[in-house]
Amino acid sequence: MLTNKRPVDVGFDAKYTWTLKLAIGYIEREFNQAFSERGLSLLLHRLGFSYTKATAADPEEQQKFREKTAINF
């Protein structure tokens, strides 16, 4: 689910990237299972996920991407 859906797709307000807090909220809501941030971080790491930091978008690169993929935002 983390790789296929954005937080906004599963009912979180205007969030487009997953954070540990959002993932914890989703797990608690859907599975009634509580995790600490550290606990979920360790679990996700064991499952092959890695942390990436968001970077500022380059408007020129965004336009190239839109043209290449024919997606209009």
C-alpha atoms as a PDB file:
ATOM      1  CA  MET A   1       0.000   0.000   0.000  1.00  0.00           C
ATOM      2  CA  LEU A   2       2.836   2.435   0.802  1.00  0.00           C
ATOM      3  CA  THR A   3       4.249   2.048  -2.681  1.00  0.00           C
ATOM      4  CA  ASN A   4       0.949   2.179  -4.549  1.00  0.00           C
ATOM      5  CA  LYS A   5      -1.112   4.838  -2.801  1.00  0.00           C
ATOM      6  CA  ARG A   6      -0.581   8.326  -1.474  1.00  0.00           C
ATOM      7  CA  PRO A   7      -1.864   9.311   1.963  1.00  0.00           C
ATOM      8  CA  VAL A   8      -4.569  11.443   0.335  1.00  0.00           C
ATOM      9  CA  ASP A   9      -5.798   8.317  -1.518  1.00  0.00           C
ATOM     10  CA  VAL A  10      -6.589   6.584   1.773  1.00  0.00           C
ATOM     11  CA  GLY A  11      -8.291   9.469   3.535  1.00  0.00           C
ATOM     12  CA  PHE A  12      -5.567  11.708   4.954  1.00  0.00           C
ATOM     13  CA  ASP A  13      -5.920  15.450   4.322  1.00  0.00           C
ATOM     14  CA  ALA A  14      -3.745  16.887   1.545  1.00  0.00           C
ATOM     15  CA  LYS A  15      -0.720  14.690   2.169  1.00  0.00           C
ATOM     16  CA  TYR A  16       1.218  13.407  -0.814  1.00  0.00           C
ATOM     17  CA  THR A  17       4.187  11.726   0.849  1.00  0.00           C
ATOM     18  CA  TRP A  18       4.188   9.087   3.535  1.00  0.00           C
ATOM     19  CA  THR A  19       5.733   9.870   6.898  1.00  0.00           C
ATOM     20  CA  LEU A  20       6.101   7.498   9.812  1.00  0.00           C
ATOM     21  CA  LYS A  21       3.311   9.329  11.654  1.00  0.00           C
ATOM     22  CA  LEU A  22       0.936   8.962   8.707  1.00  0.00           C
ATOM     23  CA  ALA A  23       1.814   5.284   8.265  1.00  0.00           C
ATOM     24  CA  ILE A  24       1.267   4.683  11.992  1.00  0.00           C
ATOM     25  CA  GLY A  25      -2.122   6.391  11.760  1.00  0.00           C
ATOM     26  CA  TYR A  26      -3.094   4.234   8.790  1.00  0.00           C
ATOM     27  CA  ILE A  27      -2.013   1.009  10.514  1.00  0.00           C
ATOM     28  CA  GLU A  28      -3.885   1.923  13.688  1.00  0.00           C
ATOM     29  CA  ARG A  29      -7.027   2.817  11.733  1.00  0.00           C
ATOM     30  CA  GLU A  30      -7.041  -0.197   9.432  1.00  0.00           C
ATOM     31  CA  PHE A  31      -5.565  -2.932  11.603  1.00  0.00           C
ATOM     32  CA  ASN A  32      -6.036  -1.693  15.178  1.00  0.00           C
ATOM     33  CA  GLN A  33      -2.302  -2.212  15.761  1.00  0.00           C
ATOM     34  CA  ALA A  34      -0.114   0.381  17.483  1.00  0.00           C
ATOM     35  CA  PHE A  35       3.508   1.092  16.583  1.00  0.00           C
ATOM     36  CA  SER A  36       6.040   3.568  17.866  1.00  0.00           C
ATOM     37  CA  GLU A  37       7.853   5.614  15.217  1.00  0.00           C
ATOM     38  CA  ARG A  38      11.064   3.734  15.971  1.00  0.00           C
ATOM     39  CA  GLY A  39       9.310   0.366  15.842  1.00  0.00           C
ATOM     40  CA  LEU A  40       7.686   1.055  12.489  1.00  0.00           C
ATOM     41  CA  SER A  41      10.924   2.491  11.139  1.00  0.00           C
ATOM     42  CA  LEU A  42      12.761  -0.716  12.033  1.00  0.00           C
ATOM     43  CA  LEU A  43      10.000  -2.883  10.555  1.00  0.00           C
ATOM     44  CA  LEU A  44       9.942  -0.939   7.289  1.00  0.00           C
ATOM     45  CA  HIS A  45      13.722  -1.139   7.063  1.00  0.00           C
ATOM     46  CA  ARG A  46      13.585  -4.929   7.510  1.00  0.00           C
ATOM     47  CA  LEU A  47      10.987  -5.035   4.707  1.00  0.00           C
ATOM     48  CA  GLY A  48      13.359  -3.224   2.364  1.00  0.00           C
ATOM     49  CA  PHE A  49      12.039   0.319   2.582  1.00  0.00           C
ATOM     50  CA  SER A  50      14.442   3.211   2.957  1.00  0.00           C
ATOM     51  CA  TYR A  51      14.108   6.818   4.062  1.00  0.00           C
ATOM     52  CA  THR A  52      14.409   9.555   1.485  1.00  0.00           C
ATOM     53  CA  LYS A  53      14.290  13.252   2.119  1.00  0.00           C
ATOM     54  CA  ALA A  54      12.104  15.399  -0.101  1.00  0.00           C
ATOM     55  CA  THR A  55      13.973  17.903  -2.214  1.00  0.00           C
ATOM     56  CA  ALA A  56      12.905  21.186  -3.744  1.00  0.00           C
ATOM     57  CA  ALA A  57      11.429  20.693  -7.175  1.00  0.00           C
ATOM     58  CA  ASP A  58      13.046  22.189 -10.248  1.00  0.00           C
ATOM     59  CA  PRO A  59      10.275  23.771 -12.375  1.00  0.00           C
ATOM     60  CA  GLU A  60      12.152  23.038 -15.610  1.00  0.00           C
ATOM     61  CA  GLU A  61      12.590  19.369 -14.698  1.00  0.00           C
ATOM     62  CA  GLN A  62       8.909  19.160 -13.710  1.00  0.00           C
ATOM     63  CA  GLN A  63       7.900  20.486 -17.135  1.00  0.00           C
ATOM     64  CA  LYS A  64      10.147  17.951 -18.873  1.00  0.00           C
ATOM     65  CA  PHE A  65       8.566  15.183 -16.801  1.00  0.00           C
ATOM     66  CA  ARG A  66       5.041  16.354 -17.677  1.00  0.00           C
ATOM     67  CA  GLU A  67       5.867  16.439 -21.360  1.00  0.00           C
ATOM     68  CA  LYS A  68       7.548  13.040 -21.262  1.00  0.00           C
ATOM     69  CA  THR A  69       4.710  11.324 -19.399  1.00  0.00           C
ATOM     70  CA  ALA A  70       1.847  13.392 -20.895  1.00  0.00           C
ATOM     71  CA  ILE A  71       0.451  14.090 -17.432  1.00  0.00           C
ATOM     72  CA  ASN A  72      -1.167  17.445 -16.908  1.00  0.00           C
ATOM     73  CA  PHE A  73      -1.140  18.628 -13.331  1.00  0.00           C
END
